[in-house]
Amino acid sequence: MYLFAFLVGVIGAYLAIQFADRIGISDIPNHRSSHEKIIPRGGGVGILASFVLGSLVLSVPVGLWLPSLIIALISLWGGDKHLLSAQERLFVQFACSMAFVVSFLYSKQIALGAYFLCVPISIFIVGTSNFYNFMDGIDGIAGITGVVGFSLISFYVGISGTNDVYVTLCLVLAFSCLGFLCFNIPRAKVFLGDIGSIMLGFVFACLVIVLSENIIGFVVMVGFLAPFYLDELFTMIVRIKHGDSLIVAHRKHIYQLLVNEVGIKHWKVSLAYGFTQAIIGLSTIFVKHRGIYFILLTYLIYSLIFAWVSIIIRKKVSI
């Protein structure tokens, strides 16, 4: 199954290279881009196919894979082809998130009063989906993050001995991301596109919800995407401080500054983010037995380090 997922990831990326221009989803660079050439988008179609097929084979609840499929296809049509406004895409994302949450809570036979969690959980899912999309701006970073993030979930769930189905599903996603990377690193011949990045963020967040047996499990697994969360949150703070609009595209993330202003190669920055992601994720798993306060202290230390590095880089490039 893992070899099949890898091959589907490869084939999806290859097909996007062949047909993206014909269906009008190529990425045309502008002043906010980190690339100079027109690059096909939609390479995430293979990852989507692997996820859906894997879900069907593993009998994953339809309440998880169907909203993920819908949000991916709408992201292709509305985002990659630019046929929907940001507000319309956000509406679809919240609708798919709510559908997943209601289905999940219903399947767990949770008391009716717990349904107030629908809104905060949906905000977490939509936020993660868009954070993943915003951070997909250089060669390799989204694919490597997918490989590391879903491998960490698989490892964490595997050592907990709670759910073999999701261990396999996460590895299917990791291997399909690896297949996509064959055409995305060290120099991108194709991008994930919204169909891939939005879907990966959505599925990651949904799996965190599904596999969290308690608040500690949730806090641990959120850390498996820590570099993306930290870079996006700190960049938002800087942009608010400077009076920038948060809905206008930019290239002020740390990973973008390292590539565009500092001049480090894309693949080196992407690997550094993946390595950092793995270190933080494994650290939180290692300290889990000490309790939530120790986990939060671990996050605080990494956050302070990231903030310190961010300040140094922004001062260096005067941003």
C-alpha atoms as a PDB file:
ATOM      1  CA  MET A   1       0.000   0.000   0.000  1.00  0.00           C
ATOM      2  CA  TYR A   2       2.844   2.400   0.803  1.00  0.00           C
ATOM      3  CA  LEU A   3       4.535   1.754  -2.549  1.00  0.00           C
ATOM      4  CA  PHE A   4       1.194   2.327  -4.264  1.00  0.00           C
ATOM      5  CA  ALA A   5       0.759   5.639  -2.380  1.00  0.00           C
ATOM      6  CA  PHE A   6       4.254   6.717  -3.397  1.00  0.00           C
ATOM      7  CA  LEU A   7       3.581   5.898  -7.058  1.00  0.00           C
ATOM      8  CA  VAL A   8       0.214   7.685  -7.033  1.00  0.00           C
ATOM      9  CA  GLY A   9       1.968  10.748  -5.574  1.00  0.00           C
ATOM     10  CA  VAL A  10       4.506  10.586  -8.401  1.00  0.00           C
ATOM     11  CA  ILE A  11       1.862  10.064 -11.089  1.00  0.00           C
ATOM     12  CA  GLY A  12      -0.308  12.897  -9.762  1.00  0.00           C
ATOM     13  CA  ALA A  13       2.605  15.323  -9.897  1.00  0.00           C
ATOM     14  CA  TYR A  14       3.532  14.158 -13.403  1.00  0.00           C
ATOM     15  CA  LEU A  15      -0.037  14.566 -14.680  1.00  0.00           C
ATOM     16  CA  ALA A  16      -0.202  18.073 -13.229  1.00  0.00           C
ATOM     17  CA  ILE A  17       2.971  18.987 -15.123  1.00  0.00           C
ATOM     18  CA  GLN A  18       1.411  17.709 -18.351  1.00  0.00           C
ATOM     19  CA  PHE A  19      -2.060  19.222 -18.028  1.00  0.00           C
ATOM     20  CA  ALA A  20      -1.917  22.198 -15.635  1.00  0.00           C
ATOM     21  CA  ASP A  21      -1.364  24.739 -18.388  1.00  0.00           C
ATOM     22  CA  ARG A  22      -4.199  23.313 -20.482  1.00  0.00           C
ATOM     23  CA  ILE A  23      -6.737  23.697 -17.671  1.00  0.00           C
ATOM     24  CA  GLY A  24      -5.404  27.062 -16.557  1.00  0.00           C
ATOM     25  CA  ILE A  25      -3.871  26.334 -13.156  1.00  0.00           C
ATOM     26  CA  SER A  26      -0.226  27.244 -13.753  1.00  0.00           C
ATOM     27  CA  ASP A  27       1.442  29.619 -11.289  1.00  0.00           C
ATOM     28  CA  ILE A  28       2.497  32.865 -12.962  1.00  0.00           C
ATOM     29  CA  PRO A  29       5.149  34.616 -10.831  1.00  0.00           C
ATOM     30  CA  ASN A  30       4.681  38.165  -9.545  1.00  0.00           C
ATOM     31  CA  HIS A  31       6.475  40.450  -7.094  1.00  0.00           C
ATOM     32  CA  ARG A  32       5.291  38.296  -4.162  1.00  0.00           C
ATOM     33  CA  SER A  33       6.562  35.039  -5.650  1.00  0.00           C
ATOM     34  CA  SER A  34       9.729  33.188  -4.714  1.00  0.00           C
ATOM     35  CA  HIS A  35      10.041  31.867  -8.282  1.00  0.00           C
ATOM     36  CA  GLU A  36      10.862  33.448 -11.627  1.00  0.00           C
ATOM     37  CA  LYS A  37       9.365  30.883 -14.019  1.00  0.00           C
ATOM     38  CA  ILE A  38       5.824  29.717 -14.696  1.00  0.00           C
ATOM     39  CA  ILE A  39       5.296  26.502 -12.708  1.00  0.00           C
ATOM     40  CA  PRO A  40       2.353  24.076 -13.031  1.00  0.00           C
ATOM     41  CA  ARG A  41       0.101  23.730  -9.988  1.00  0.00           C
ATOM     42  CA  GLY A  42      -2.187  20.932  -8.883  1.00  0.00           C
ATOM     43  CA  GLY A  43       0.528  18.384  -8.065  1.00  0.00           C
ATOM     44  CA  GLY A  44      -1.347  17.547  -4.890  1.00  0.00           C
ATOM     45  CA  VAL A  45      -3.944  15.606  -6.893  1.00  0.00           C
ATOM     46  CA  GLY A  46      -1.923  12.421  -6.407  1.00  0.00           C
ATOM     47  CA  ILE A  47      -1.801  12.934  -2.641  1.00  0.00           C
ATOM     48  CA  LEU A  48      -5.575  13.476  -2.649  1.00  0.00           C
ATOM     49  CA  ALA A  49      -6.099  10.286  -4.661  1.00  0.00           C
ATOM     50  CA  SER A  50      -3.860   8.299  -2.295  1.00  0.00           C
ATOM     51  CA  PHE A  51      -5.741   9.629   0.721  1.00  0.00           C
ATOM     52  CA  VAL A  52      -9.206   8.852  -0.664  1.00  0.00           C
ATOM     53  CA  LEU A  53      -8.258   5.391  -1.958  1.00  0.00           C
ATOM     54  CA  GLY A  54      -6.437   4.590   1.284  1.00  0.00           C
ATOM     55  CA  SER A  55      -9.459   5.712   3.287  1.00  0.00           C
ATOM     56  CA  LEU A  56     -11.761   3.454   1.259  1.00  0.00           C
ATOM     57  CA  VAL A  57      -9.463   0.434   1.600  1.00  0.00           C
ATOM     58  CA  LEU A  58      -9.037   1.014   5.342  1.00  0.00           C
ATOM     59  CA  SER A  59     -12.770   1.720   5.885  1.00  0.00           C
ATOM     60  CA  VAL A  60     -12.058   5.165   7.332  1.00  0.00           C
ATOM     61  CA  PRO A  61     -15.324   6.927   8.296  1.00  0.00           C
ATOM     62  CA  VAL A  62     -16.855   8.858   5.412  1.00  0.00           C
ATOM     63  CA  GLY A  63     -17.200  11.852   7.735  1.00  0.00           C
ATOM     64  CA  LEU A  64     -13.421  12.302   7.502  1.00  0.00           C
ATOM     65  CA  TRP A  65     -12.515  11.623   3.890  1.00  0.00           C
ATOM     66  CA  LEU A  66     -15.581  13.074   2.125  1.00  0.00           C
ATOM     67  CA  PRO A  67     -15.261  16.640   3.548  1.00  0.00           C
ATOM     68  CA  SER A  68     -11.522  16.429   2.785  1.00  0.00           C
ATOM     69  CA  LEU A  69     -12.276  15.458  -0.812  1.00  0.00           C
ATOM     70  CA  ILE A  70     -14.821  18.256  -1.195  1.00  0.00           C
ATOM     71  CA  ILE A  71     -12.548  20.925   0.246  1.00  0.00           C
ATOM     72  CA  ALA A  72      -9.692  19.771  -2.006  1.00  0.00           C
ATOM     73  CA  LEU A  73     -11.786  19.875  -5.187  1.00  0.00           C
ATOM     74  CA  ILE A  74     -13.291  23.249  -4.291  1.00  0.00           C
ATOM     75  CA  SER A  75      -9.771  24.529  -3.579  1.00  0.00           C
ATOM     76  CA  LEU A  76      -8.697  23.368  -7.049  1.00  0.00           C
ATOM     77  CA  TRP A  77     -11.650  25.023  -8.728  1.00  0.00           C
ATOM     78  CA  GLY A  78     -11.911  28.126  -6.575  1.00  0.00           C
ATOM     79  CA  GLY A  79      -8.299  28.650  -5.488  1.00  0.00           C
ATOM     80  CA  ASP A  80      -5.981  27.268  -8.167  1.00  0.00           C
ATOM     81  CA  LYS A  81      -8.261  28.548 -10.958  1.00  0.00           C
ATOM     82  CA  HIS A  82      -9.170  31.699  -8.961  1.00  0.00           C
ATOM     83  CA  LEU A  83     -12.902  31.290  -9.570  1.00  0.00           C
ATOM     84  CA  LEU A  84     -13.972  31.982  -5.980  1.00  0.00           C
ATOM     85  CA  SER A  85     -13.273  34.925  -3.704  1.00  0.00           C
ATOM     86  CA  ALA A  86     -11.390  34.477  -0.438  1.00  0.00           C
ATOM     87  CA  GLN A  87     -14.669  34.897   1.464  1.00  0.00           C
ATOM     88  CA  GLU A  88     -16.407  32.213  -0.619  1.00  0.00           C
ATOM     89  CA  ARG A  89     -13.532  29.774  -0.133  1.00  0.00           C
ATOM     90  CA  LEU A  90     -13.556  30.471   3.605  1.00  0.00           C
ATOM     91  CA  PHE A  91     -17.286  29.700   3.711  1.00  0.00           C
ATOM     92  CA  VAL A  92     -16.687  26.335   2.023  1.00  0.00           C
ATOM     93  CA  GLN A  93     -13.859  25.547   4.409  1.00  0.00           C
ATOM     94  CA  PHE A  94     -16.007  26.224   7.469  1.00  0.00           C
ATOM     95  CA  ALA A  95     -18.868  24.206   5.995  1.00  0.00           C
ATOM     96  CA  CYS A  96     -16.603  21.188   5.410  1.00  0.00           C
ATOM     97  CA  SER A  97     -15.070  21.584   8.877  1.00  0.00           C
ATOM     98  CA  MET A  98     -18.477  21.719  10.540  1.00  0.00           C
ATOM     99  CA  ALA A  99     -19.577  18.640   8.568  1.00  0.00           C
ATOM    100  CA  PHE A 100     -16.555  16.715   9.832  1.00  0.00           C
ATOM    101  CA  VAL A 101     -16.963  17.868  13.448  1.00  0.00           C
ATOM    102  CA  VAL A 102     -20.680  17.076  13.621  1.00  0.00           C
ATOM    103  CA  SER A 103     -20.068  13.658  12.057  1.00  0.00           C
ATOM    104  CA  PHE A 104     -17.219  12.955  14.485  1.00  0.00           C
ATOM    105  CA  LEU A 105     -19.151  14.007  17.586  1.00  0.00           C
ATOM    106  CA  TYR A 106     -22.201  12.029  16.473  1.00  0.00           C
ATOM    107  CA  SER A 107     -20.116   8.884  15.882  1.00  0.00           C
ATOM    108  CA  LYS A 108     -18.721   9.166  19.409  1.00  0.00           C
ATOM    109  CA  GLN A 109     -22.243   9.535  20.837  1.00  0.00           C
ATOM    110  CA  ILE A 110     -21.121  12.608  22.726  1.00  0.00           C
ATOM    111  CA  ALA A 111     -23.738  14.471  24.775  1.00  0.00           C
ATOM    112  CA  LEU A 112     -25.651  17.187  22.949  1.00  0.00           C
ATOM    113  CA  GLY A 113     -24.109  19.893  25.130  1.00  0.00           C
ATOM    114  CA  ALA A 114     -20.662  19.090  23.739  1.00  0.00           C
ATOM    115  CA  TYR A 115     -21.698  20.314  20.304  1.00  0.00           C
ATOM    116  CA  PHE A 116     -20.709  23.836  21.357  1.00  0.00           C
ATOM    117  CA  LEU A 117     -17.201  22.595  20.514  1.00  0.00           C
ATOM    118  CA  CYS A 118     -18.119  22.653  16.821  1.00  0.00           C
ATOM    119  CA  VAL A 119     -17.145  26.303  16.425  1.00  0.00           C
ATOM    120  CA  PRO A 120     -13.720  26.295  18.159  1.00  0.00           C
ATOM    121  CA  ILE A 121     -12.759  22.978  16.552  1.00  0.00           C
ATOM    122  CA  SER A 122     -13.798  24.285  13.126  1.00  0.00           C
ATOM    123  CA  ILE A 123     -11.717  27.425  13.665  1.00  0.00           C
ATOM    124  CA  PHE A 124      -8.720  25.217  14.490  1.00  0.00           C
ATOM    125  CA  ILE A 125      -9.254  23.119  11.342  1.00  0.00           C
ATOM    126  CA  VAL A 126      -9.780  26.079   9.009  1.00  0.00           C
ATOM    127  CA  GLY A 127      -6.859  27.944  10.569  1.00  0.00           C
ATOM    128  CA  THR A 128      -4.550  24.952  10.110  1.00  0.00           C
ATOM    129  CA  SER A 129      -5.716  24.473   6.517  1.00  0.00           C
ATOM    130  CA  ASN A 130      -4.901  28.062   5.621  1.00  0.00           C
ATOM    131  CA  PHE A 131      -1.653  28.145   7.606  1.00  0.00           C
ATOM    132  CA  TYR A 132      -0.481  25.138   5.588  1.00  0.00           C
ATOM    133  CA  ASN A 133      -1.490  26.915   2.396  1.00  0.00           C
ATOM    134  CA  PHE A 134       0.244  30.171   3.368  1.00  0.00           C
ATOM    135  CA  MET A 135       3.451  28.303   4.190  1.00  0.00           C
ATOM    136  CA  ASP A 136       3.545  26.564   0.808  1.00  0.00           C
ATOM    137  CA  GLY A 137       5.739  29.123  -0.918  1.00  0.00           C
ATOM    138  CA  ILE A 138       9.103  27.526  -1.727  1.00  0.00           C
ATOM    139  CA  ASP A 139      10.289  24.270  -3.248  1.00  0.00           C
ATOM    140  CA  GLY A 140       9.866  21.271  -0.986  1.00  0.00           C
ATOM    141  CA  ILE A 141       8.592  22.888   2.200  1.00  0.00           C
ATOM    142  CA  ALA A 142       4.972  21.670   2.085  1.00  0.00           C
ATOM    143  CA  GLY A 143       5.882  18.189   0.877  1.00  0.00           C
ATOM    144  CA  ILE A 144       8.614  17.679   3.473  1.00  0.00           C
ATOM    145  CA  THR A 145       6.303  18.985   6.187  1.00  0.00           C
ATOM    146  CA  GLY A 146       3.688  16.472   5.060  1.00  0.00           C
ATOM    147  CA  VAL A 147       6.164  13.591   5.206  1.00  0.00           C
ATOM    148  CA  VAL A 148       7.409  14.560   8.683  1.00  0.00           C
ATOM    149  CA  GLY A 149       4.042  15.608  10.129  1.00  0.00           C
ATOM    150  CA  PHE A 150       2.073  12.510   9.154  1.00  0.00           C
ATOM    151  CA  SER A 151       5.010  10.241  10.043  1.00  0.00           C
ATOM    152  CA  LEU A 152       5.058  11.789  13.513  1.00  0.00           C
ATOM    153  CA  ILE A 153       1.321  11.180  13.953  1.00  0.00           C
ATOM    154  CA  SER A 154       1.793   7.599  12.777  1.00  0.00           C
ATOM    155  CA  PHE A 155       4.692   7.067  15.191  1.00  0.00           C
ATOM    156  CA  TYR A 156       2.825   8.645  18.101  1.00  0.00           C
ATOM    157  CA  VAL A 157      -0.346   6.637  17.520  1.00  0.00           C
ATOM    158  CA  GLY A 158       1.692   3.489  16.861  1.00  0.00           C
ATOM    159  CA  ILE A 159       3.584   3.599  20.177  1.00  0.00           C
ATOM    160  CA  SER A 160       0.319   4.347  21.953  1.00  0.00           C
ATOM    161  CA  GLY A 161      -1.192   1.223  20.381  1.00  0.00           C
ATOM    162  CA  THR A 162      -4.537   2.914  19.863  1.00  0.00           C
ATOM    163  CA  ASN A 163      -5.490   2.722  16.179  1.00  0.00           C
ATOM    164  CA  ASP A 164      -3.662   0.734  13.493  1.00  0.00           C
ATOM    165  CA  VAL A 165      -5.980   2.051  10.751  1.00  0.00           C
ATOM    166  CA  TYR A 166      -4.834   5.628  11.251  1.00  0.00           C
ATOM    167  CA  VAL A 167      -1.198   4.568  11.575  1.00  0.00           C
ATOM    168  CA  THR A 168      -1.496   3.125   8.077  1.00  0.00           C
ATOM    169  CA  LEU A 169      -3.476   6.085   6.713  1.00  0.00           C
ATOM    170  CA  CYS A 170      -0.891   8.573   7.978  1.00  0.00           C
ATOM    171  CA  LEU A 171       1.920   6.590   6.363  1.00  0.00           C
ATOM    172  CA  VAL A 172      -0.068   6.509   3.117  1.00  0.00           C
ATOM    173  CA  LEU A 173      -0.159  10.307   3.231  1.00  0.00           C
ATOM    174  CA  ALA A 174       3.546  10.514   4.094  1.00  0.00           C
ATOM    175  CA  PHE A 175       4.556   8.230   1.209  1.00  0.00           C
ATOM    176  CA  SER A 176       2.331  10.056  -1.275  1.00  0.00           C
ATOM    177  CA  CYS A 177       3.947  13.350  -0.204  1.00  0.00           C
ATOM    178  CA  LEU A 178       7.323  11.686  -0.770  1.00  0.00           C
ATOM    179  CA  GLY A 179       6.235  10.722  -4.281  1.00  0.00           C
ATOM    180  CA  PHE A 180       5.168  14.309  -4.998  1.00  0.00           C
ATOM    181  CA  LEU A 181       8.574  15.559  -3.807  1.00  0.00           C
ATOM    182  CA  CYS A 182      10.241  13.724  -6.700  1.00  0.00           C
ATOM    183  CA  PHE A 183       9.022  16.611  -8.891  1.00  0.00           C
ATOM    184  CA  ASN A 184       9.181  19.383  -6.269  1.00  0.00           C
ATOM    185  CA  ILE A 185      12.723  19.278  -4.868  1.00  0.00           C
ATOM    186  CA  PRO A 186      15.508  20.374  -5.227  1.00  0.00           C
ATOM    187  CA  ARG A 187      13.917  22.518  -7.959  1.00  0.00           C
ATOM    188  CA  ALA A 188      10.176  22.496  -8.400  1.00  0.00           C
ATOM    189  CA  LYS A 189       8.739  21.265 -11.672  1.00  0.00           C
ATOM    190  CA  VAL A 190       5.270  21.404 -10.099  1.00  0.00           C
ATOM    191  CA  PHE A 191       3.575  22.928  -7.048  1.00  0.00           C
ATOM    192  CA  LEU A 192       1.042  21.301  -4.722  1.00  0.00           C
ATOM    193  CA  GLY A 193      -1.523  23.987  -5.427  1.00  0.00           C
ATOM    194  CA  ASP A 194      -4.450  24.691  -3.122  1.00  0.00           C
ATOM    195  CA  ILE A 195      -5.822  21.233  -3.879  1.00  0.00           C
ATOM    196  CA  GLY A 196      -2.826  19.807  -2.031  1.00  0.00           C
ATOM    197  CA  SER A 197      -1.892  22.353   0.609  1.00  0.00           C
ATOM    198  CA  ILE A 198      -5.412  23.128   1.844  1.00  0.00           C
ATOM    199  CA  MET A 199      -6.247  19.416   1.875  1.00  0.00           C
ATOM    200  CA  LEU A 200      -3.101  18.437   3.796  1.00  0.00           C
ATOM    201  CA  GLY A 201      -3.725  21.082   6.452  1.00  0.00           C
ATOM    202  CA  PHE A 202      -7.380  20.056   6.699  1.00  0.00           C
ATOM    203  CA  VAL A 203      -6.615  16.348   7.029  1.00  0.00           C
ATOM    204  CA  PHE A 204      -3.815  16.969   9.537  1.00  0.00           C
ATOM    205  CA  ALA A 205      -6.124  18.982  11.789  1.00  0.00           C
ATOM    206  CA  CYS A 206      -8.963  16.440  11.467  1.00  0.00           C
ATOM    207  CA  LEU A 207      -6.646  13.556  12.359  1.00  0.00           C
ATOM    208  CA  VAL A 208      -5.407  15.444  15.415  1.00  0.00           C
ATOM    209  CA  ILE A 209      -9.034  15.764  16.551  1.00  0.00           C
ATOM    210  CA  VAL A 210      -9.885  12.125  15.798  1.00  0.00           C
ATOM    211  CA  LEU A 211      -6.798  10.708  17.500  1.00  0.00           C
ATOM    212  CA  SER A 212      -6.736  12.947  20.594  1.00  0.00           C
ATOM    213  CA  GLU A 213      -7.867  10.813  23.509  1.00  0.00           C
ATOM    214  CA  ASN A 214      -7.473  13.788  25.858  1.00  0.00           C
ATOM    215  CA  ILE A 215      -6.147  17.357  25.950  1.00  0.00           C
ATOM    216  CA  ILE A 216      -2.560  16.144  26.383  1.00  0.00           C
ATOM    217  CA  GLY A 217      -2.761  14.103  23.200  1.00  0.00           C
ATOM    218  CA  PHE A 218      -4.154  17.115  21.344  1.00  0.00           C
ATOM    219  CA  VAL A 219      -1.415  19.441  22.613  1.00  0.00           C
ATOM    220  CA  VAL A 220       1.298  16.926  21.698  1.00  0.00           C
ATOM    221  CA  MET A 221       0.071  16.335  18.139  1.00  0.00           C
ATOM    222  CA  VAL A 222      -0.449  20.024  17.407  1.00  0.00           C
ATOM    223  CA  GLY A 223       3.308  20.351  17.873  1.00  0.00           C
ATOM    224  CA  PHE A 224       3.889  18.078  14.883  1.00  0.00           C
ATOM    225  CA  LEU A 225       3.230  21.127  12.693  1.00  0.00           C
ATOM    226  CA  ALA A 226       5.032  23.582  14.989  1.00  0.00           C
ATOM    227  CA  PRO A 227       7.307  25.390  12.458  1.00  0.00           C
ATOM    228  CA  PHE A 228       4.312  26.269  10.283  1.00  0.00           C
ATOM    229  CA  TYR A 229       2.287  27.530  13.240  1.00  0.00           C
ATOM    230  CA  LEU A 230       5.213  29.520  14.670  1.00  0.00           C
ATOM    231  CA  ASP A 231       6.249  31.146  11.396  1.00  0.00           C
ATOM    232  CA  GLU A 232       2.685  32.104  10.506  1.00  0.00           C
ATOM    233  CA  LEU A 233       1.772  33.422  13.965  1.00  0.00           C
ATOM    234  CA  PHE A 234       4.953  35.472  14.414  1.00  0.00           C
ATOM    235  CA  THR A 235       4.610  36.843  10.874  1.00  0.00           C
ATOM    236  CA  MET A 236       1.007  37.844  11.600  1.00  0.00           C
ATOM    237  CA  ILE A 237       2.185  39.723  14.709  1.00  0.00           C
ATOM    238  CA  VAL A 238       4.823  41.584  12.685  1.00  0.00           C
ATOM    239  CA  ARG A 239       2.338  42.472   9.953  1.00  0.00           C
ATOM    240  CA  ILE A 240      -0.233  43.725  12.465  1.00  0.00           C
ATOM    241  CA  LYS A 241       2.492  45.819  14.090  1.00  0.00           C
ATOM    242  CA  HIS A 242       3.317  47.355  10.706  1.00  0.00           C
ATOM    243  CA  GLY A 243      -0.347  47.964   9.895  1.00  0.00           C
ATOM    244  CA  ASP A 244      -0.420  45.461   7.007  1.00  0.00           C
ATOM    245  CA  SER A 245      -3.636  43.793   5.901  1.00  0.00           C
ATOM    246  CA  LEU A 246      -3.723  40.134   6.883  1.00  0.00           C
ATOM    247  CA  ILE A 247      -5.700  39.139   3.786  1.00  0.00           C
ATOM    248  CA  VAL A 248      -3.201  40.566   1.277  1.00  0.00           C
ATOM    249  CA  ALA A 249      -0.588  38.138  -0.092  1.00  0.00           C
ATOM    250  CA  HIS A 250       3.022  38.796   0.892  1.00  0.00           C
ATOM    251  CA  ARG A 251       6.421  37.173   1.279  1.00  0.00           C
ATOM    252  CA  LYS A 252       7.389  38.158   4.803  1.00  0.00           C
ATOM    253  CA  HIS A 253       7.453  34.697   6.370  1.00  0.00           C
ATOM    254  CA  ILE A 254      10.839  33.710   7.744  1.00  0.00           C
ATOM    255  CA  TYR A 255      11.220  30.925   5.189  1.00  0.00           C
ATOM    256  CA  GLN A 256      10.575  33.458   2.397  1.00  0.00           C
ATOM    257  CA  LEU A 257      13.077  35.946   3.802  1.00  0.00           C
ATOM    258  CA  LEU A 258      15.719  33.224   4.039  1.00  0.00           C
ATOM    259  CA  VAL A 259      15.216  32.345   0.368  1.00  0.00           C
ATOM    260  CA  ASN A 260      14.547  35.736  -1.220  1.00  0.00           C
ATOM    261  CA  GLU A 261      16.537  38.203   0.893  1.00  0.00           C
ATOM    262  CA  VAL A 262      19.258  36.072   2.473  1.00  0.00           C
ATOM    263  CA  GLY A 263      19.731  33.967  -0.651  1.00  0.00           C
ATOM    264  CA  ILE A 264      19.675  30.441   0.817  1.00  0.00           C
ATOM    265  CA  LYS A 265      18.566  27.726  -1.614  1.00  0.00           C
ATOM    266  CA  HIS A 266      14.973  26.550  -1.352  1.00  0.00           C
ATOM    267  CA  TRP A 267      15.772  22.929  -0.562  1.00  0.00           C
ATOM    268  CA  LYS A 268      18.101  23.862   2.284  1.00  0.00           C
ATOM    269  CA  VAL A 269      15.459  26.013   3.978  1.00  0.00           C
ATOM    270  CA  SER A 270      12.809  23.334   3.452  1.00  0.00           C
ATOM    271  CA  LEU A 271      15.006  20.619   4.950  1.00  0.00           C
ATOM    272  CA  ALA A 272      15.820  22.892   7.904  1.00  0.00           C
ATOM    273  CA  TYR A 273      12.099  23.357   8.569  1.00  0.00           C
ATOM    274  CA  GLY A 274      11.520  19.608   8.304  1.00  0.00           C
ATOM    275  CA  PHE A 275      14.409  18.876  10.687  1.00  0.00           C
ATOM    276  CA  THR A 276      13.102  21.457  13.171  1.00  0.00           C
ATOM    277  CA  GLN A 277       9.620  19.982  12.874  1.00  0.00           C
ATOM    278  CA  ALA A 278      10.942  16.495  13.648  1.00  0.00           C
ATOM    279  CA  ILE A 279      12.957  17.702  16.664  1.00  0.00           C
ATOM    280  CA  ILE A 280      10.008  19.569  18.183  1.00  0.00           C
ATOM    281  CA  GLY A 281       7.605  16.712  17.512  1.00  0.00           C
ATOM    282  CA  LEU A 282       9.865  14.051  19.027  1.00  0.00           C
ATOM    283  CA  SER A 283      10.599  16.324  21.993  1.00  0.00           C
ATOM    284  CA  THR A 284       6.920  16.649  22.857  1.00  0.00           C
ATOM    285  CA  ILE A 285       6.428  12.893  22.572  1.00  0.00           C
ATOM    286  CA  PHE A 286       9.432  12.360  24.844  1.00  0.00           C
ATOM    287  CA  VAL A 287       8.152  14.712  27.582  1.00  0.00           C
ATOM    288  CA  LYS A 288       4.486  13.687  27.323  1.00  0.00           C
ATOM    289  CA  HIS A 289       4.639  11.519  30.444  1.00  0.00           C
ATOM    290  CA  ARG A 290       5.648  14.551  32.524  1.00  0.00           C
ATOM    291  CA  GLY A 291       2.284  16.210  31.953  1.00  0.00           C
ATOM    292  CA  ILE A 292       0.793  19.145  30.102  1.00  0.00           C
ATOM    293  CA  TYR A 293       2.720  21.869  31.929  1.00  0.00           C
ATOM    294  CA  PHE A 294       6.046  20.347  30.944  1.00  0.00           C
ATOM    295  CA  ILE A 295       4.832  20.039  27.340  1.00  0.00           C
ATOM    296  CA  LEU A 296       3.781  23.696  27.324  1.00  0.00           C
ATOM    297  CA  LEU A 297       7.144  24.676  28.800  1.00  0.00           C
ATOM    298  CA  THR A 298       8.838  22.795  25.960  1.00  0.00           C
ATOM    299  CA  TYR A 299       6.750  24.733  23.427  1.00  0.00           C
ATOM    300  CA  LEU A 300       7.590  27.999  25.183  1.00  0.00           C
ATOM    301  CA  ILE A 301      11.310  27.314  24.919  1.00  0.00           C
ATOM    302  CA  TYR A 302      11.084  26.485  21.210  1.00  0.00           C
ATOM    303  CA  SER A 303       8.858  29.523  20.622  1.00  0.00           C
ATOM    304  CA  LEU A 304      11.365  31.839  22.285  1.00  0.00           C
ATOM    305  CA  ILE A 305      14.174  30.358  20.203  1.00  0.00           C
ATOM    306  CA  PHE A 306      12.124  30.804  17.025  1.00  0.00           C
ATOM    307  CA  ALA A 307      11.239  34.381  18.004  1.00  0.00           C
ATOM    308  CA  TRP A 308      14.918  35.177  18.678  1.00  0.00           C
ATOM    309  CA  VAL A 309      15.989  33.738  15.318  1.00  0.00           C
ATOM    310  CA  SER A 310      13.128  35.595  13.604  1.00  0.00           C
ATOM    311  CA  ILE A 311      14.199  38.930  15.090  1.00  0.00           C
ATOM    312  CA  ILE A 312      17.801  38.384  13.975  1.00  0.00           C
ATOM    313  CA  ILE A 313      16.742  37.522  10.418  1.00  0.00           C
ATOM    314  CA  ARG A 314      14.299  40.437  10.127  1.00  0.00           C
ATOM    315  CA  LYS A 315      16.933  42.861  11.390  1.00  0.00           C
ATOM    316  CA  LYS A 316      19.427  41.448   8.923  1.00  0.00           C
ATOM    317  CA  VAL A 317      17.107  42.068   5.977  1.00  0.00           C
ATOM    318  CA  SER A 318      15.567  45.233   7.501  1.00  0.00           C
ATOM    319  CA  ILE A 319      11.974  43.899   7.542  1.00  0.00           C
END
